[in-house]
N, C-alpha and C. Protein backbone atom coordinates (compact mmCIF):
# COMPACT_ATOMS: atom_id res chain seq x y z
N MET A 1 0.84 -1.17 0.00
CA MET A 1 0.00 0.00 0.00
C MET A 1 0.89 1.24 0.00
N ALA A 2 0.77 2.03 -0.98
CA ALA A 2 1.58 3.23 -1.13
C ALA A 2 0.92 4.39 -0.40
N VAL A 3 1.77 5.21 0.21
CA VAL A 3 1.28 6.41 0.91
C VAL A 3 1.37 7.58 -0.05
N ARG A 4 0.30 8.30 -0.18
CA ARG A 4 0.29 9.46 -1.07
C ARG A 4 0.34 10.73 -0.24
N LEU A 5 1.28 11.61 -0.59
CA LEU A 5 1.40 12.90 0.09
C LEU A 5 0.59 13.94 -0.68
N PRO A 6 0.02 14.88 0.06
CA PRO A 6 -0.70 15.95 -0.64
C PRO A 6 0.27 16.76 -1.50
N LYS A 7 -0.25 17.36 -2.53
CA LYS A 7 0.59 18.12 -3.45
C LYS A 7 1.25 19.32 -2.78
N GLU A 8 0.63 19.85 -1.69
CA GLU A 8 1.21 21.00 -1.00
C GLU A 8 2.52 20.63 -0.30
N VAL A 9 2.69 19.37 0.09
CA VAL A 9 3.88 18.93 0.81
C VAL A 9 5.08 18.83 -0.13
N LEU A 10 4.85 18.44 -1.32
CA LEU A 10 5.93 18.25 -2.28
C LEU A 10 6.30 19.56 -2.97
N SER A 11 7.61 19.78 -3.09
CA SER A 11 8.07 20.95 -3.85
C SER A 11 8.18 20.54 -5.31
N MET A 12 7.60 21.30 -6.14
CA MET A 12 7.67 21.00 -7.56
C MET A 12 8.64 21.94 -8.23
N GLY A 13 9.58 21.38 -8.92
CA GLY A 13 10.53 22.20 -9.67
C GLY A 13 9.90 22.67 -10.96
N SER A 14 10.69 23.40 -11.74
CA SER A 14 10.17 23.93 -13.00
C SER A 14 9.88 22.81 -13.99
N ASN A 15 10.53 21.65 -13.77
CA ASN A 15 10.29 20.55 -14.69
C ASN A 15 9.19 19.61 -14.19
N GLY A 16 8.54 19.96 -13.05
CA GLY A 16 7.42 19.17 -12.56
C GLY A 16 7.81 18.03 -11.64
N ARG A 17 9.10 17.88 -11.32
CA ARG A 17 9.53 16.81 -10.43
C ARG A 17 9.50 17.28 -8.97
N ALA A 18 9.22 16.34 -8.07
CA ALA A 18 9.21 16.65 -6.64
C ALA A 18 10.61 16.46 -6.08
N GLY A 19 10.97 17.24 -5.05
CA GLY A 19 12.27 17.08 -4.41
C GLY A 19 12.64 18.34 -3.64
N PHE A 20 13.84 18.33 -3.09
CA PHE A 20 14.33 19.48 -2.32
C PHE A 20 15.05 20.44 -3.25
N THR A 21 14.90 21.73 -2.95
CA THR A 21 15.63 22.71 -3.74
C THR A 21 17.04 22.85 -3.15
N LEU A 22 17.91 23.48 -3.91
CA LEU A 22 19.29 23.69 -3.46
C LEU A 22 19.33 24.55 -2.20
N ILE A 23 18.47 25.55 -2.11
CA ILE A 23 18.42 26.41 -0.92
C ILE A 23 18.02 25.59 0.31
N GLU A 24 17.05 24.72 0.19
CA GLU A 24 16.62 23.88 1.33
C GLU A 24 17.75 22.97 1.79
N VAL A 25 18.48 22.41 0.87
CA VAL A 25 19.60 21.54 1.22
C VAL A 25 20.70 22.34 1.90
N MET A 26 20.98 23.54 1.40
CA MET A 26 22.03 24.37 2.01
C MET A 26 21.63 24.81 3.43
N ILE A 27 20.38 25.16 3.64
CA ILE A 27 19.92 25.55 4.97
C ILE A 27 20.02 24.37 5.92
N ALA A 28 19.63 23.20 5.47
CA ALA A 28 19.73 22.00 6.31
C ALA A 28 21.19 21.71 6.67
N ALA A 29 22.11 21.91 5.73
CA ALA A 29 23.53 21.69 6.00
C ALA A 29 24.05 22.69 7.02
N VAL A 30 23.62 23.95 6.92
CA VAL A 30 24.05 24.96 7.89
C VAL A 30 23.52 24.63 9.28
N VAL A 31 22.27 24.27 9.38
CA VAL A 31 21.68 23.91 10.68
C VAL A 31 22.40 22.71 11.27
N LEU A 32 22.68 21.72 10.47
CA LEU A 32 23.39 20.53 10.94
C LEU A 32 24.81 20.89 11.37
N SER A 33 25.48 21.75 10.63
CA SER A 33 26.85 22.18 11.00
C SER A 33 26.86 22.92 12.33
N VAL A 34 25.90 23.80 12.54
CA VAL A 34 25.82 24.54 13.81
C VAL A 34 25.59 23.57 14.97
N ALA A 35 24.73 22.59 14.79
CA ALA A 35 24.46 21.61 15.84
C ALA A 35 25.71 20.79 16.15
N VAL A 36 26.45 20.37 15.15
CA VAL A 36 27.67 19.59 15.36
C VAL A 36 28.72 20.43 16.07
N LEU A 37 28.88 21.70 15.68
CA LEU A 37 29.85 22.58 16.33
C LEU A 37 29.47 22.82 17.80
N ALA A 38 28.19 22.95 18.09
CA ALA A 38 27.75 23.13 19.47
C ALA A 38 28.08 21.90 20.31
N LEU A 39 27.88 20.73 19.76
CA LEU A 39 28.22 19.50 20.48
C LEU A 39 29.72 19.38 20.67
N MET A 40 30.51 19.78 19.69
CA MET A 40 31.97 19.72 19.82
C MET A 40 32.47 20.69 20.89
N ALA A 41 31.78 21.80 21.06
CA ALA A 41 32.17 22.78 22.07
C ALA A 41 31.95 22.23 23.48
N LEU A 42 31.08 21.26 23.63
CA LEU A 42 30.80 20.67 24.94
C LEU A 42 31.88 19.68 25.39
N ILE A 43 32.66 19.17 24.47
CA ILE A 43 33.65 18.13 24.81
C ILE A 43 34.64 18.58 25.87
N PRO A 44 35.26 19.78 25.78
CA PRO A 44 36.19 20.19 26.85
C PRO A 44 35.51 20.34 28.21
N THR A 45 34.28 20.83 28.21
CA THR A 45 33.56 21.00 29.47
C THR A 45 33.28 19.65 30.11
N VAL A 46 32.85 18.70 29.34
CA VAL A 46 32.57 17.36 29.87
C VAL A 46 33.86 16.71 30.36
N THR A 47 34.94 16.90 29.66
CA THR A 47 36.23 16.35 30.09
C THR A 47 36.66 16.95 31.42
N GLN A 48 36.51 18.26 31.56
CA GLN A 48 36.88 18.92 32.81
C GLN A 48 36.00 18.45 33.97
N LEU A 49 34.72 18.30 33.72
CA LEU A 49 33.82 17.81 34.78
C LEU A 49 34.17 16.38 35.18
N THR A 50 34.56 15.57 34.22
CA THR A 50 34.96 14.19 34.53
C THR A 50 36.20 14.19 35.41
N GLU A 51 37.19 15.02 35.08
CA GLU A 51 38.41 15.09 35.90
C GLU A 51 38.10 15.58 37.30
N THR A 52 37.24 16.59 37.42
CA THR A 52 36.86 17.12 38.72
C THR A 52 36.16 16.06 39.55
N THR A 53 35.29 15.30 38.93
CA THR A 53 34.59 14.23 39.64
C THR A 53 35.56 13.16 40.10
N GLU A 54 36.52 12.80 39.25
CA GLU A 54 37.51 11.79 39.64
C GLU A 54 38.35 12.28 40.82
N GLU A 55 38.74 13.56 40.80
CA GLU A 55 39.52 14.11 41.91
C GLU A 55 38.70 14.13 43.19
N GLY A 56 37.42 14.46 43.08
CA GLY A 56 36.54 14.44 44.24
C GLY A 56 36.39 13.05 44.82
N ASN A 57 36.29 12.06 43.95
CA ASN A 57 36.19 10.67 44.41
C ASN A 57 37.47 10.22 45.10
N LEU A 58 38.62 10.63 44.56
CA LEU A 58 39.89 10.30 45.21
C LEU A 58 39.98 10.92 46.59
N ALA A 59 39.56 12.18 46.71
CA ALA A 59 39.59 12.86 48.01
C ALA A 59 38.63 12.20 48.99
N LEU A 60 37.46 11.82 48.51
CA LEU A 60 36.49 11.14 49.37
C LEU A 60 37.03 9.81 49.86
N ASN A 61 37.62 9.03 48.97
CA ASN A 61 38.18 7.73 49.37
C ASN A 61 39.33 7.90 50.36
N ALA A 62 40.16 8.92 50.15
CA ALA A 62 41.27 9.16 51.09
C ALA A 62 40.73 9.54 52.46
N SER A 63 39.71 10.39 52.50
CA SER A 63 39.16 10.78 53.80
C SER A 63 38.48 9.60 54.49
N LEU A 64 37.85 8.73 53.72
CA LEU A 64 37.24 7.53 54.32
C LEU A 64 38.32 6.61 54.89
N GLN A 65 39.43 6.47 54.19
CA GLN A 65 40.52 5.63 54.70
C GLN A 65 41.09 6.19 56.00
N VAL A 66 41.26 7.51 56.06
CA VAL A 66 41.80 8.12 57.28
C VAL A 66 40.80 7.97 58.42
N SER A 67 39.52 8.19 58.14
CA SER A 67 38.53 8.06 59.21
C SER A 67 38.44 6.62 59.71
N GLU A 68 38.57 5.65 58.83
CA GLU A 68 38.58 4.25 59.26
C GLU A 68 39.84 3.95 60.09
N ALA A 69 40.97 4.53 59.70
CA ALA A 69 42.20 4.33 60.47
C ALA A 69 42.07 4.94 61.86
N ILE A 70 41.43 6.09 61.94
CA ILE A 70 41.24 6.74 63.24
C ILE A 70 40.27 5.93 64.11
N ARG A 71 39.28 5.30 63.49
CA ARG A 71 38.32 4.51 64.25
C ARG A 71 38.97 3.33 64.98
N GLN A 72 40.11 2.87 64.49
CA GLN A 72 40.77 1.76 65.17
C GLN A 72 41.28 2.19 66.54
N TYR A 73 41.37 3.50 66.76
CA TYR A 73 41.81 4.02 68.05
C TYR A 73 40.62 4.41 68.94
N ALA A 74 39.44 3.84 68.69
CA ALA A 74 38.24 4.23 69.43
C ALA A 74 38.39 4.00 70.93
N ASP A 75 39.15 3.01 71.33
CA ASP A 75 39.32 2.73 72.75
C ASP A 75 40.44 3.56 73.38
N GLN A 76 41.15 4.35 72.58
CA GLN A 76 42.24 5.19 73.08
C GLN A 76 41.69 6.58 73.44
N SER A 77 42.46 7.34 74.15
CA SER A 77 42.06 8.70 74.49
C SER A 77 42.25 9.62 73.29
N PHE A 78 41.61 10.77 73.36
CA PHE A 78 41.73 11.73 72.26
C PHE A 78 43.17 12.21 72.10
N SER A 79 43.87 12.39 73.21
CA SER A 79 45.25 12.87 73.11
C SER A 79 46.13 11.86 72.38
N TYR A 80 45.87 10.56 72.55
CA TYR A 80 46.63 9.53 71.84
C TYR A 80 46.40 9.66 70.33
N VAL A 81 45.12 9.81 69.94
CA VAL A 81 44.78 9.94 68.51
C VAL A 81 45.38 11.24 67.96
N TRP A 82 45.32 12.32 68.75
CA TRP A 82 45.90 13.59 68.30
C TRP A 82 47.39 13.46 68.05
N ARG A 83 48.10 12.81 68.97
CA ARG A 83 49.55 12.64 68.79
C ARG A 83 49.86 11.78 67.58
N ALA A 84 48.98 10.83 67.27
CA ALA A 84 49.21 9.94 66.13
C ALA A 84 49.01 10.65 64.79
N TYR A 85 48.11 11.64 64.75
CA TYR A 85 47.74 12.25 63.46
C TYR A 85 48.09 13.73 63.34
N ASN A 86 48.80 14.32 64.29
CA ASN A 86 49.15 15.73 64.13
C ASN A 86 50.42 15.87 63.28
N ASN A 87 50.89 17.10 63.08
CA ASN A 87 52.03 17.36 62.21
C ASN A 87 53.38 17.26 62.91
N THR A 88 53.39 16.89 64.18
CA THR A 88 54.63 16.84 64.94
C THR A 88 55.07 15.39 65.11
N PRO A 89 56.06 14.94 64.35
CA PRO A 89 56.47 13.53 64.44
C PRO A 89 57.16 13.19 65.76
N SER A 90 57.66 14.18 66.48
CA SER A 90 58.40 13.88 67.71
C SER A 90 57.50 13.38 68.83
N ASP A 91 56.18 13.62 68.75
CA ASP A 91 55.30 13.16 69.82
C ASP A 91 54.46 11.94 69.42
N ASP A 92 54.86 11.24 68.36
CA ASP A 92 54.13 10.04 67.94
C ASP A 92 54.11 9.01 69.08
N PRO A 93 52.99 8.30 69.23
CA PRO A 93 52.84 7.38 70.36
C PRO A 93 53.93 6.31 70.46
N ASN A 94 54.44 5.79 69.37
CA ASN A 94 55.43 4.70 69.40
C ASN A 94 56.82 5.17 68.99
N GLY A 95 57.07 6.44 69.07
CA GLY A 95 58.37 6.98 68.68
C GLY A 95 58.24 7.90 67.48
N ALA A 96 59.23 8.71 67.27
CA ALA A 96 59.20 9.72 66.21
C ALA A 96 59.04 9.08 64.84
N GLY A 97 58.06 9.58 64.09
CA GLY A 97 57.82 9.13 62.71
C GLY A 97 57.17 7.77 62.56
N THR A 98 56.57 7.22 63.64
CA THR A 98 55.97 5.89 63.55
C THR A 98 54.47 5.89 63.44
N ALA A 99 53.84 7.05 63.57
CA ALA A 99 52.38 7.11 63.54
C ALA A 99 51.86 6.96 62.13
N PRO A 100 50.61 6.46 61.97
CA PRO A 100 50.05 6.31 60.61
C PRO A 100 49.88 7.63 59.90
N GLY A 101 49.83 8.73 60.65
CA GLY A 101 49.71 10.04 60.02
C GLY A 101 51.02 10.63 59.59
N ALA A 102 52.14 9.94 59.86
CA ALA A 102 53.46 10.46 59.50
C ALA A 102 53.62 10.43 57.98
N VAL A 103 54.24 11.47 57.49
CA VAL A 103 54.42 11.57 56.02
C VAL A 103 55.85 11.26 55.65
C-alpha cells in the first residue's frame, strides 16, 4: 500500500519533479553544521567535569581511609589519637615518625 502525500507537501521544480531545492539543502547543511559545532564545544567541558569528579572521588576515598584508620583508636584517648595524626612527628605514640599520620 503506497502512501500518497498531498501536493502541497511536495516541492515542484520547474520541470514538474518533486524534491528538495538547493536552498533547502544548504539551509539543512548549515543547521546541521551549527548543531555539530555546538556538540563539539561541549567536549572540553565534559572532560573537565569528569576530571573534577575523579579528583573528588579520590579525596572522598582518602578521607574515608583516614577516618577508618582513626576509628581503630576508638578505645584510646583523644590525646593519643591527636599525637598519632598531628604534624609533629616527635610526639608520635610509638616513637618519632611511627604514627600512621606520619608523612
